[in-house]
Amino acid sequence: MKELAADLPGVTFGYIGNCERWGDDRLWAIFLPHPGRVGSFADSVSIVRKEKLPKAVTNWDALAGLARRRYHDGSKRI
């Protein structure tokens, strides 16, 4: 993730949701920058639940490639 963040300023990795006493509803993703507006689903790559995160990370090259394409083609995210 550090290499991706270095190549694409403003890109972060994190989750949406929270962990409550009745369960974990967090969805993990790579988030693309969206200055001056509210973010949308198109501003994220690979939203997955915690149990699927290890499998998603094994496909890191594909995820990073998709993040790079979406980052550089910001017109499709607006």
C-alpha atoms as a PDB file:
ATOM      1  CA  MET A   1       0.000   0.000   0.000  1.00  0.00           C
ATOM      2  CA  LYS A   2       2.895   2.371   0.712  1.00  0.00           C
ATOM      3  CA  GLU A   3       4.107   2.106  -2.888  1.00  0.00           C
ATOM      4  CA  LEU A   4       0.618   2.790  -4.223  1.00  0.00           C
ATOM      5  CA  ALA A   5       0.192   5.809  -1.926  1.00  0.00           C
ATOM      6  CA  ALA A   6       3.584   7.134  -3.045  1.00  0.00           C
ATOM      7  CA  ASP A   7       2.602   6.799  -6.727  1.00  0.00           C
ATOM      8  CA  LEU A   8      -0.910   8.194  -6.280  1.00  0.00           C
ATOM      9  CA  PRO A   9      -1.079  11.126  -3.840  1.00  0.00           C
ATOM     10  CA  GLY A  10      -4.230  11.158  -1.718  1.00  0.00           C
ATOM     11  CA  VAL A  11      -4.945   7.421  -1.989  1.00  0.00           C
ATOM     12  CA  THR A  12      -5.721   5.742   1.347  1.00  0.00           C
ATOM     13  CA  PHE A  13      -6.667   2.288   2.649  1.00  0.00           C
ATOM     14  CA  GLY A  14      -9.330   1.842   5.263  1.00  0.00           C
ATOM     15  CA  TYR A  15     -12.872   0.834   6.006  1.00  0.00           C
ATOM     16  CA  ILE A  16     -16.455   2.025   6.105  1.00  0.00           C
ATOM     17  CA  GLY A  17     -18.633   0.836   8.959  1.00  0.00           C
ATOM     18  CA  ASN A  18     -17.903  -0.218  12.492  1.00  0.00           C
ATOM     19  CA  CYS A  19     -17.471  -3.128  14.838  1.00  0.00           C
ATOM     20  CA  GLU A  20     -20.343  -3.440  17.296  1.00  0.00           C
ATOM     21  CA  ARG A  21     -21.097  -5.982  19.971  1.00  0.00           C
ATOM     22  CA  TRP A  22     -23.456  -7.768  17.542  1.00  0.00           C
ATOM     23  CA  GLY A  23     -20.947  -8.020  14.718  1.00  0.00           C
ATOM     24  CA  ASP A  24     -18.384  -6.518  12.431  1.00  0.00           C
ATOM     25  CA  ASP A  25     -19.910  -4.694   9.460  1.00  0.00           C
ATOM     26  CA  ARG A  26     -16.715  -3.020   8.239  1.00  0.00           C
ATOM     27  CA  LEU A  27     -16.041  -2.986   4.483  1.00  0.00           C
ATOM     28  CA  TRP A  28     -12.358  -2.559   3.550  1.00  0.00           C
ATOM     29  CA  ALA A  29     -11.215  -0.683   0.446  1.00  0.00           C
ATOM     30  CA  ILE A  30      -8.646   1.488  -1.305  1.00  0.00           C
ATOM     31  CA  PHE A  31     -10.077   5.011  -1.406  1.00  0.00           C
ATOM     32  CA  LEU A  32      -9.257   7.421  -4.214  1.00  0.00           C
ATOM     33  CA  PRO A  33      -9.147  11.186  -3.603  1.00  0.00           C
ATOM     34  CA  HIS A  34     -12.270  13.215  -4.379  1.00  0.00           C
ATOM     35  CA  PRO A  35     -11.435  16.850  -3.546  1.00  0.00           C
ATOM     36  CA  GLY A  36     -14.271  19.308  -3.377  1.00  0.00           C
ATOM     37  CA  ARG A  37     -17.098  16.762  -3.368  1.00  0.00           C
ATOM     38  CA  VAL A  38     -18.607  13.925  -1.409  1.00  0.00           C
ATOM     39  CA  GLY A  39     -17.091  10.543  -2.207  1.00  0.00           C
ATOM     40  CA  SER A  40     -18.996   7.862  -4.094  1.00  0.00           C
ATOM     41  CA  PHE A  41     -18.726   4.114  -4.650  1.00  0.00           C
ATOM     42  CA  ALA A  42     -16.641   4.825  -7.773  1.00  0.00           C
ATOM     43  CA  ASP A  43     -14.010   6.459  -5.517  1.00  0.00           C
ATOM     44  CA  SER A  44     -13.164   3.075  -3.992  1.00  0.00           C
ATOM     45  CA  VAL A  45     -11.564  -0.154  -5.136  1.00  0.00           C
ATOM     46  CA  SER A  46     -12.400  -3.615  -3.758  1.00  0.00           C
ATOM     47  CA  ILE A  47     -14.875  -3.114  -0.957  1.00  0.00           C
ATOM     48  CA  VAL A  48     -14.790  -6.410   0.943  1.00  0.00           C
ATOM     49  CA  ARG A  49     -15.669  -7.738   4.371  1.00  0.00           C
ATOM     50  CA  LYS A  50     -12.892  -8.632   6.817  1.00  0.00           C
ATOM     51  CA  GLU A  51     -13.086 -12.374   6.145  1.00  0.00           C
ATOM     52  CA  LYS A  52     -12.481 -11.819   2.410  1.00  0.00           C
ATOM     53  CA  LEU A  53      -9.644  -9.309   2.898  1.00  0.00           C
ATOM     54  CA  PRO A  54      -6.772 -11.874   2.844  1.00  0.00           C
ATOM     55  CA  LYS A  55      -7.952 -13.251  -0.513  1.00  0.00           C
ATOM     56  CA  ALA A  56      -8.369  -9.738  -1.929  1.00  0.00           C
ATOM     57  CA  VAL A  57      -4.833  -8.809  -0.871  1.00  0.00           C
ATOM     58  CA  THR A  58      -3.416 -11.884  -2.659  1.00  0.00           C
ATOM     59  CA  ASN A  59      -4.645 -10.179  -5.851  1.00  0.00           C
ATOM     60  CA  TRP A  60      -2.832  -6.955  -4.940  1.00  0.00           C
ATOM     61  CA  ASP A  61      -1.376  -6.364  -8.415  1.00  0.00           C
ATOM     62  CA  ALA A  62      -4.852  -6.405  -9.957  1.00  0.00           C
ATOM     63  CA  LEU A  63      -6.234  -4.116  -7.233  1.00  0.00           C
ATOM     64  CA  ALA A  64      -3.330  -1.680  -7.587  1.00  0.00           C
ATOM     65  CA  GLY A  65      -3.728  -1.673 -11.377  1.00  0.00           C
ATOM     66  CA  LEU A  66      -7.435  -0.894 -11.089  1.00  0.00           C
ATOM     67  CA  ALA A  67      -6.737   1.860  -8.548  1.00  0.00           C
ATOM     68  CA  ARG A  68      -4.143   3.399 -10.883  1.00  0.00           C
ATOM     69  CA  ARG A  69      -6.515   3.309 -13.873  1.00  0.00           C
ATOM     70  CA  ARG A  70      -9.372   4.879 -11.903  1.00  0.00           C
ATOM     71  CA  TYR A  71      -7.060   7.476 -10.358  1.00  0.00           C
ATOM     72  CA  HIS A  72      -5.753   8.642 -13.730  1.00  0.00           C
ATOM     73  CA  ASP A  73      -9.194   8.586 -15.336  1.00  0.00           C
ATOM     74  CA  GLY A  74     -10.885  10.813 -12.772  1.00  0.00           C
ATOM     75  CA  SER A  75     -13.435  12.005 -15.329  1.00  0.00           C
ATOM     76  CA  LYS A  76     -15.325   8.725 -14.903  1.00  0.00           C
ATOM     77  CA  ARG A  77     -15.513   9.235 -11.139  1.00  0.00           C
ATOM     78  CA  ILE A  78     -17.146  12.673 -11.232  1.00  0.00           C
END
